[in-house]
Amino acid sequence: MRIRILSIFCLLFGTTIPLSAQDGGLVDFMDSIGKIYVVVGVILVIFIGLVIYLIRLDRKIARLENQIMDND
């Protein structure tokens, strides 16, 4: 199990390191025309939406677990 987790970890971070070494041509372009704030805003809205969804889902699951425990 540890080998599997270690291999997944190495695979994920081994592939992202070369991506971080690239120059920021697209970021510079988006920043120069002022659209970088739109991109950041959209990503922020999506992230907040996912967090709210996960919190609501966790509450629903906890409520269902409590109902199952009460019935037993």
PDB file of N, CA and C in Angstrom:
ATOM      1  N   MET A   1       0.823  -1.192   0.000  1.00  0.00           N
ATOM      2  CA  MET A   1       0.000   0.000   0.000  1.00  0.00           C
ATOM      3  C   MET A   1       0.868   1.257   0.000  1.00  0.00           C
ATOM      4  N   ARG A   2       1.951   1.224   0.783  1.00  0.00           N
ATOM      5  CA  ARG A   2       2.831   2.390   0.819  1.00  0.00           C
ATOM      6  C   ARG A   2       3.498   2.633  -0.530  1.00  0.00           C
ATOM      7  N   ILE A   3       3.838   1.561  -1.204  1.00  0.00           N
ATOM      8  CA  ILE A   3       4.484   1.706  -2.505  1.00  0.00           C
ATOM      9  C   ILE A   3       3.520   2.340  -3.499  1.00  0.00           C
ATOM     10  N   ARG A   4       2.264   1.956  -3.437  1.00  0.00           N
ATOM     11  CA  ARG A   4       1.258   2.522  -4.338  1.00  0.00           C
ATOM     12  C   ARG A   4       1.079   4.014  -4.070  1.00  0.00           C
ATOM     13  N   ILE A   5       0.993   4.403  -2.809  1.00  0.00           N
ATOM     14  CA  ILE A   5       0.834   5.814  -2.461  1.00  0.00           C
ATOM     15  C   ILE A   5       2.067   6.599  -2.876  1.00  0.00           C
ATOM     16  N   LEU A   6       3.240   6.041  -2.636  1.00  0.00           N
ATOM     17  CA  LEU A   6       4.475   6.714  -3.020  1.00  0.00           C
ATOM     18  C   LEU A   6       4.577   6.874  -4.532  1.00  0.00           C
ATOM     19  N   SER A   7       4.172   5.861  -5.281  1.00  0.00           N
ATOM     20  CA  SER A   7       4.237   5.965  -6.738  1.00  0.00           C
ATOM     21  C   SER A   7       3.241   6.994  -7.261  1.00  0.00           C
ATOM     22  N   ILE A   8       2.058   7.063  -6.673  1.00  0.00           N
ATOM     23  CA  ILE A   8       1.084   8.084  -7.086  1.00  0.00           C
ATOM     24  C   ILE A   8       1.615   9.471  -6.756  1.00  0.00           C
ATOM     25  N   PHE A   9       2.198   9.630  -5.575  1.00  0.00           N
ATOM     26  CA  PHE A   9       2.774  10.908  -5.167  1.00  0.00           C
ATOM     27  C   PHE A   9       3.869  11.342  -6.138  1.00  0.00           C
ATOM     28  N   CYS A  10       4.771  10.433  -6.471  1.00  0.00           N
ATOM     29  CA  CYS A  10       5.859  10.750  -7.400  1.00  0.00           C
ATOM     30  C   CYS A  10       5.330  11.063  -8.792  1.00  0.00           C
ATOM     31  N   LEU A  11       4.311  10.347  -9.208  1.00  0.00           N
ATOM     32  CA  LEU A  11       3.732  10.590 -10.523  1.00  0.00           C
ATOM     33  C   LEU A  11       3.098  11.970 -10.597  1.00  0.00           C
ATOM     34  N   LEU A  12       2.345  12.335  -9.573  1.00  0.00           N
ATOM     35  CA  LEU A  12       1.677  13.635  -9.583  1.00  0.00           C
ATOM     36  C   LEU A  12       2.669  14.783  -9.526  1.00  0.00           C
ATOM     37  N   PHE A  13       3.605  14.726  -8.590  1.00  0.00           N
ATOM     38  CA  PHE A  13       4.526  15.829  -8.431  1.00  0.00           C
ATOM     39  C   PHE A  13       5.669  15.783  -9.428  1.00  0.00           C
ATOM     40  N   GLY A  14       5.961  14.629  -9.963  1.00  0.00           N
ATOM     41  CA  GLY A  14       6.996  14.526 -10.979  1.00  0.00           C
ATOM     42  C   GLY A  14       6.565  15.127 -12.304  1.00  0.00           C
ATOM     43  N   THR A  15       5.275  15.111 -12.571  1.00  0.00           N
ATOM     44  CA  THR A  15       4.783  15.686 -13.818  1.00  0.00           C
ATOM     45  C   THR A  15       4.496  17.168 -13.700  1.00  0.00           C
ATOM     46  N   THR A  16       4.305  17.686 -12.486  1.00  0.00           N
ATOM     47  CA  THR A  16       3.996  19.107 -12.348  1.00  0.00           C
ATOM     48  C   THR A  16       5.234  19.971 -12.211  1.00  0.00           C
ATOM     49  N   ILE A  17       6.358  19.399 -11.832  1.00  0.00           N
ATOM     50  CA  ILE A  17       7.579  20.193 -11.677  1.00  0.00           C
ATOM     51  C   ILE A  17       8.025  20.797 -13.007  1.00  0.00           C
ATOM     52  N   PRO A  18       8.052  20.050 -14.126  1.00  0.00           N
ATOM     53  CA  PRO A  18       8.428  20.691 -15.391  1.00  0.00           C
ATOM     54  C   PRO A  18       7.438  21.772 -15.826  1.00  0.00           C
ATOM     55  N   LEU A  19       6.183  21.636 -15.452  1.00  0.00           N
ATOM     56  CA  LEU A  19       5.206  22.649 -15.825  1.00  0.00           C
ATOM     57  C   LEU A  19       5.458  23.964 -15.106  1.00  0.00           C
ATOM     58  N   SER A  20       5.960  23.908 -13.885  1.00  0.00           N
ATOM     59  CA  SER A  20       6.213  25.133 -13.142  1.00  0.00           C
ATOM     60  C   SER A  20       7.463  25.847 -13.638  1.00  0.00           C
ATOM     61  N   ALA A  21       8.295  25.170 -14.404  1.00  0.00           N
ATOM     62  CA  ALA A  21       9.521  25.777 -14.900  1.00  0.00           C
ATOM     63  C   ALA A  21       9.293  26.567 -16.191  1.00  0.00           C
ATOM     64  N   GLN A  22       8.103  26.473 -16.759  1.00  0.00           N
ATOM     65  CA  GLN A  22       7.835  27.180 -18.004  1.00  0.00           C
ATOM     66  C   GLN A  22       7.676  28.672 -17.732  1.00  0.00           C
ATOM     67  N   ASP A  23       7.944  29.460 -18.778  1.00  0.00           N
ATOM     68  CA  ASP A  23       7.752  30.893 -18.621  1.00  0.00           C
ATOM     69  C   ASP A  23       6.264  31.217 -18.607  1.00  0.00           C
ATOM     70  N   GLY A  24       5.921  32.334 -18.038  1.00  0.00           N
ATOM     71  CA  GLY A  24       4.522  32.710 -17.876  1.00  0.00           C
ATOM     72  C   GLY A  24       4.019  33.551 -19.026  1.00  0.00           C
ATOM     73  N   GLY A  25       4.155  33.082 -20.236  1.00  0.00           N
ATOM     74  CA  GLY A  25       3.726  33.849 -21.398  1.00  0.00           C
ATOM     75  C   GLY A  25       2.241  34.133 -21.403  1.00  0.00           C
ATOM     76  N   LEU A  26       1.430  33.126 -21.139  1.00  0.00           N
ATOM     77  CA  LEU A  26      -0.018  33.318 -21.122  1.00  0.00           C
ATOM     78  C   LEU A  26      -0.431  34.186 -19.949  1.00  0.00           C
ATOM     79  N   VAL A  27       0.211  33.999 -18.806  1.00  0.00           N
ATOM     80  CA  VAL A  27      -0.114  34.810 -17.631  1.00  0.00           C
ATOM     81  C   VAL A  27       0.242  36.263 -17.892  1.00  0.00           C
ATOM     82  N   ASP A  28       1.392  36.515 -18.507  1.00  0.00           N
ATOM     83  CA  ASP A  28       1.780  37.888 -18.828  1.00  0.00           C
ATOM     84  C   ASP A  28       0.809  38.509 -19.813  1.00  0.00           C
ATOM     85  N   PHE A  29       0.373  37.734 -20.803  1.00  0.00           N
ATOM     86  CA  PHE A  29      -0.581  38.243 -21.787  1.00  0.00           C
ATOM     87  C   PHE A  29      -1.905  38.594 -21.128  1.00  0.00           C
ATOM     88  N   MET A  30      -2.422  37.679 -20.283  1.00  0.00           N
ATOM     89  CA  MET A  30      -3.699  37.934 -19.620  1.00  0.00           C
ATOM     90  C   MET A  30      -3.592  39.114 -18.665  1.00  0.00           C
ATOM     91  N   ASP A  31      -2.434  39.252 -18.017  1.00  0.00           N
ATOM     92  CA  ASP A  31      -2.246  40.365 -17.097  1.00  0.00           C
ATOM     93  C   ASP A  31      -2.156  41.684 -17.854  1.00  0.00           C
ATOM     94  N   SER A  32      -1.570  41.660 -19.033  1.00  0.00           N
ATOM     95  CA  SER A  32      -1.409  42.898 -19.791  1.00  0.00           C
ATOM     96  C   SER A  32      -2.738  43.439 -20.293  1.00  0.00           C
ATOM     97  N   ILE A  33      -3.704  42.565 -20.553  1.00  0.00           N
ATOM     98  CA  ILE A  33      -5.005  43.048 -21.019  1.00  0.00           C
ATOM     99  C   ILE A  33      -6.034  43.096 -19.894  1.00  0.00           C
ATOM    100  N   GLY A  34      -5.611  42.794 -18.667  1.00  0.00           N
ATOM    101  CA  GLY A  34      -6.483  42.923 -17.511  1.00  0.00           C
ATOM    102  C   GLY A  34      -7.453  41.783 -17.297  1.00  0.00           C
ATOM    103  N   LYS A  35      -7.290  40.696 -18.006  1.00  0.00           N
ATOM    104  CA  LYS A  35      -8.213  39.565 -17.880  1.00  0.00           C
ATOM    105  C   LYS A  35      -7.808  38.580 -16.790  1.00  0.00           C
ATOM    106  N   ILE A  36      -6.627  38.747 -16.207  1.00  0.00           N
ATOM    107  CA  ILE A  36      -6.172  37.807 -15.191  1.00  0.00           C
ATOM    108  C   ILE A  36      -7.097  37.835 -13.986  1.00  0.00           C
ATOM    109  N   TYR A  37      -7.684  38.992 -13.695  1.00  0.00           N
ATOM    110  CA  TYR A  37      -8.598  39.089 -12.559  1.00  0.00           C
ATOM    111  C   TYR A  37      -9.896  38.339 -12.828  1.00  0.00           C
ATOM    112  N   VAL A  38     -10.308  38.301 -14.072  1.00  0.00           N
ATOM    113  CA  VAL A  38     -11.499  37.533 -14.440  1.00  0.00           C
ATOM    114  C   VAL A  38     -11.228  36.047 -14.249  1.00  0.00           C
ATOM    115  N   VAL A  39     -10.067  35.600 -14.679  1.00  0.00           N
ATOM    116  CA  VAL A  39      -9.704  34.191 -14.537  1.00  0.00           C
ATOM    117  C   VAL A  39      -9.627  33.813 -13.056  1.00  0.00           C
ATOM    118  N   VAL A  40      -8.976  34.645 -12.264  1.00  0.00           N
ATOM    119  CA  VAL A  40      -8.867  34.381 -10.826  1.00  0.00           C
ATOM    120  C   VAL A  40     -10.249  34.388 -10.183  1.00  0.00           C
ATOM    121  N   GLY A  41     -11.100  35.305 -10.587  1.00  0.00           N
ATOM    122  CA  GLY A  41     -12.456  35.370 -10.045  1.00  0.00           C
ATOM    123  C   GLY A  41     -13.272  34.137 -10.370  1.00  0.00           C
ATOM    124  N   VAL A  42     -13.182  33.662 -11.594  1.00  0.00           N
ATOM    125  CA  VAL A  42     -13.926  32.466 -11.992  1.00  0.00           C
ATOM    126  C   VAL A  42     -13.430  31.248 -11.226  1.00  0.00           C
ATOM    127  N   ILE A  43     -12.122  31.114 -11.097  1.00  0.00           N
ATOM    128  CA  ILE A  43     -11.565  29.990 -10.338  1.00  0.00           C
ATOM    129  C   ILE A  43     -12.006  30.068  -8.885  1.00  0.00           C
ATOM    130  N   LEU A  44     -12.030  31.264  -8.318  1.00  0.00           N
ATOM    131  CA  LEU A  44     -12.461  31.442  -6.933  1.00  0.00           C
ATOM    132  C   LEU A  44     -13.928  31.077  -6.754  1.00  0.00           C
ATOM    133  N   VAL A  45     -14.778  31.480  -7.684  1.00  0.00           N
ATOM    134  CA  VAL A  45     -16.202  31.146  -7.604  1.00  0.00           C
ATOM    135  C   VAL A  45     -16.407  29.636  -7.700  1.00  0.00           C
ATOM    136  N   ILE A  46     -15.692  28.988  -8.603  1.00  0.00           N
ATOM    137  CA  ILE A  46     -15.806  27.531  -8.737  1.00  0.00           C
ATOM    138  C   ILE A  46     -15.336  26.842  -7.463  1.00  0.00           C
ATOM    139  N   PHE A  47     -14.230  27.293  -6.892  1.00  0.00           N
ATOM    140  CA  PHE A  47     -13.706  26.689  -5.667  1.00  0.00           C
ATOM    141  C   PHE A  47     -14.674  26.871  -4.503  1.00  0.00           C
ATOM    142  N   ILE A  48     -15.217  28.069  -4.350  1.00  0.00           N
ATOM    143  CA  ILE A  48     -16.179  28.320  -3.273  1.00  0.00           C
ATOM    144  C   ILE A  48     -17.425  27.473  -3.467  1.00  0.00           C
ATOM    145  N   GLY A  49     -17.882  27.342  -4.707  1.00  0.00           N
ATOM    146  CA  GLY A  49     -19.041  26.495  -4.982  1.00  0.00           C
ATOM    147  C   GLY A  49     -18.791  25.046  -4.619  1.00  0.00           C
ATOM    148  N   LEU A  50     -17.618  24.537  -4.931  1.00  0.00           N
ATOM    149  CA  LEU A  50     -17.278  23.158  -4.569  1.00  0.00           C
ATOM    150  C   LEU A  50     -17.216  22.966  -3.057  1.00  0.00           C
ATOM    151  N   VAL A  51     -16.659  23.936  -2.351  1.00  0.00           N
ATOM    152  CA  VAL A  51     -16.579  23.840  -0.891  1.00  0.00           C
ATOM    153  C   VAL A  51     -17.972  23.834  -0.282  1.00  0.00           C
ATOM    154  N   ILE A  52     -18.845  24.715  -0.742  1.00  0.00           N
ATOM    155  CA  ILE A  52     -20.221  24.756  -0.231  1.00  0.00           C
ATOM    156  C   ILE A  52     -20.937  23.450  -0.538  1.00  0.00           C
ATOM    157  N   TYR A  53     -20.756  22.926  -1.735  1.00  0.00           N
ATOM    158  CA  TYR A  53     -21.385  21.654  -2.098  1.00  0.00           C
ATOM    159  C   TYR A  53     -20.913  20.525  -1.190  1.00  0.00           C
ATOM    160  N   LEU A  54     -19.613  20.457  -0.930  1.00  0.00           N
ATOM    161  CA  LEU A  54     -19.079  19.391  -0.078  1.00  0.00           C
ATOM    162  C   LEU A  54     -19.555  19.521   1.364  1.00  0.00           C
ATOM    163  N   ILE A  55     -19.676  20.738   1.867  1.00  0.00           N
ATOM    164  CA  ILE A  55     -20.187  20.935   3.224  1.00  0.00           C
ATOM    165  C   ILE A  55     -21.635  20.481   3.320  1.00  0.00           C
ATOM    166  N   ARG A  56     -22.454  20.864   2.339  1.00  0.00           N
ATOM    167  CA  ARG A  56     -23.861  20.447   2.354  1.00  0.00           C
ATOM    168  C   ARG A  56     -23.993  18.938   2.221  1.00  0.00           C
ATOM    169  N   LEU A  57     -23.168  18.340   1.377  1.00  0.00           N
ATOM    170  CA  LEU A  57     -23.200  16.892   1.202  1.00  0.00           C
ATOM    171  C   LEU A  57     -22.801  16.174   2.488  1.00  0.00           C
ATOM    172  N   ASP A  58     -21.802  16.708   3.181  1.00  0.00           N
ATOM    173  CA  ASP A  58     -21.380  16.116   4.448  1.00  0.00           C
ATOM    174  C   ASP A  58     -22.497  16.185   5.482  1.00  0.00           C
ATOM    175  N   ARG A  59     -23.208  17.284   5.536  1.00  0.00           N
ATOM    176  CA  ARG A  59     -24.326  17.408   6.481  1.00  0.00           C
ATOM    177  C   ARG A  59     -25.441  16.426   6.152  1.00  0.00           C
ATOM    178  N   LYS A  60     -25.736  16.261   4.873  1.00  0.00           N
ATOM    179  CA  LYS A  60     -26.782  15.313   4.485  1.00  0.00           C
ATOM    180  C   LYS A  60     -26.385  13.884   4.836  1.00  0.00           C
ATOM    181  N   ILE A  61     -25.136  13.545   4.599  1.00  0.00           N
ATOM    182  CA  ILE A  61     -24.666  12.198   4.924  1.00  0.00           C
ATOM    183  C   ILE A  61     -24.706  11.977   6.434  1.00  0.00           C
ATOM    184  N   ALA A  62     -24.306  12.983   7.208  1.00  0.00           N
ATOM    185  CA  ALA A  62     -24.347  12.855   8.671  1.00  0.00           C
ATOM    186  C   ALA A  62     -25.782  12.677   9.148  1.00  0.00           C
ATOM    187  N   ARG A  63     -26.720  13.392   8.547  1.00  0.00           N
ATOM    188  CA  ARG A  63     -28.130  13.258   8.915  1.00  0.00           C
ATOM    189  C   ARG A  63     -28.642  11.856   8.592  1.00  0.00           C
ATOM    190  N   LEU A  64     -28.281  11.330   7.436  1.00  0.00           N
ATOM    191  CA  LEU A  64     -28.693   9.974   7.072  1.00  0.00           C
ATOM    192  C   LEU A  64     -28.067   8.932   7.997  1.00  0.00           C
ATOM    193  N   GLU A  65     -26.809   9.130   8.368  1.00  0.00           N
ATOM    194  CA  GLU A  65     -26.167   8.205   9.302  1.00  0.00           C
ATOM    195  C   GLU A  65     -26.874   8.213  10.651  1.00  0.00           C
ATOM    196  N   ASN A  66     -27.273   9.394  11.108  1.00  0.00           N
ATOM    197  CA  ASN A  66     -27.989   9.485  12.380  1.00  0.00           C
ATOM    198  C   ASN A  66     -29.344   8.795  12.298  1.00  0.00           C
ATOM    199  N   GLN A  67     -30.031   8.924  11.173  1.00  0.00           N
ATOM    200  CA  GLN A  67     -31.322   8.255  11.007  1.00  0.00           C
ATOM    201  C   GLN A  67     -31.149   6.740  11.017  1.00  0.00           C
ATOM    202  N   ILE A  68     -30.105   6.252  10.392  1.00  0.00           N
ATOM    203  CA  ILE A  68     -29.854   4.810  10.367  1.00  0.00           C
ATOM    204  C   ILE A  68     -29.531   4.309  11.773  1.00  0.00           C
ATOM    205  N   MET A  69     -28.732   5.065  12.517  1.00  0.00           N
ATOM    206  CA  MET A  69     -28.385   4.665  13.882  1.00  0.00           C
ATOM    207  C   MET A  69     -29.611   4.685  14.793  1.00  0.00           C
ATOM    208  N   ASP A  70     -30.518   5.639  14.593  1.00  0.00           N
ATOM    209  CA  ASP A  70     -31.727   5.725  15.416  1.00  0.00           C
ATOM    210  C   ASP A  70     -32.677   4.573  15.130  1.00  0.00           C
ATOM    211  N   ASN A  71     -32.729   4.117  13.889  1.00  0.00           N
ATOM    212  CA  ASN A  71     -33.627   3.022  13.521  1.00  0.00           C
ATOM    213  C   ASN A  71     -33.137   1.683  14.057  1.00  0.00           C
ATOM    214  N   ASP A  72     -31.858   1.562  14.297  1.00  0.00           N
ATOM    215  CA  ASP A  72     -31.312   0.288  14.805  1.00  0.00           C
ATOM    216  C   ASP A  72     -31.447   0.179  16.267  1.00  0.00           C
TER     217      ASP A  72
END
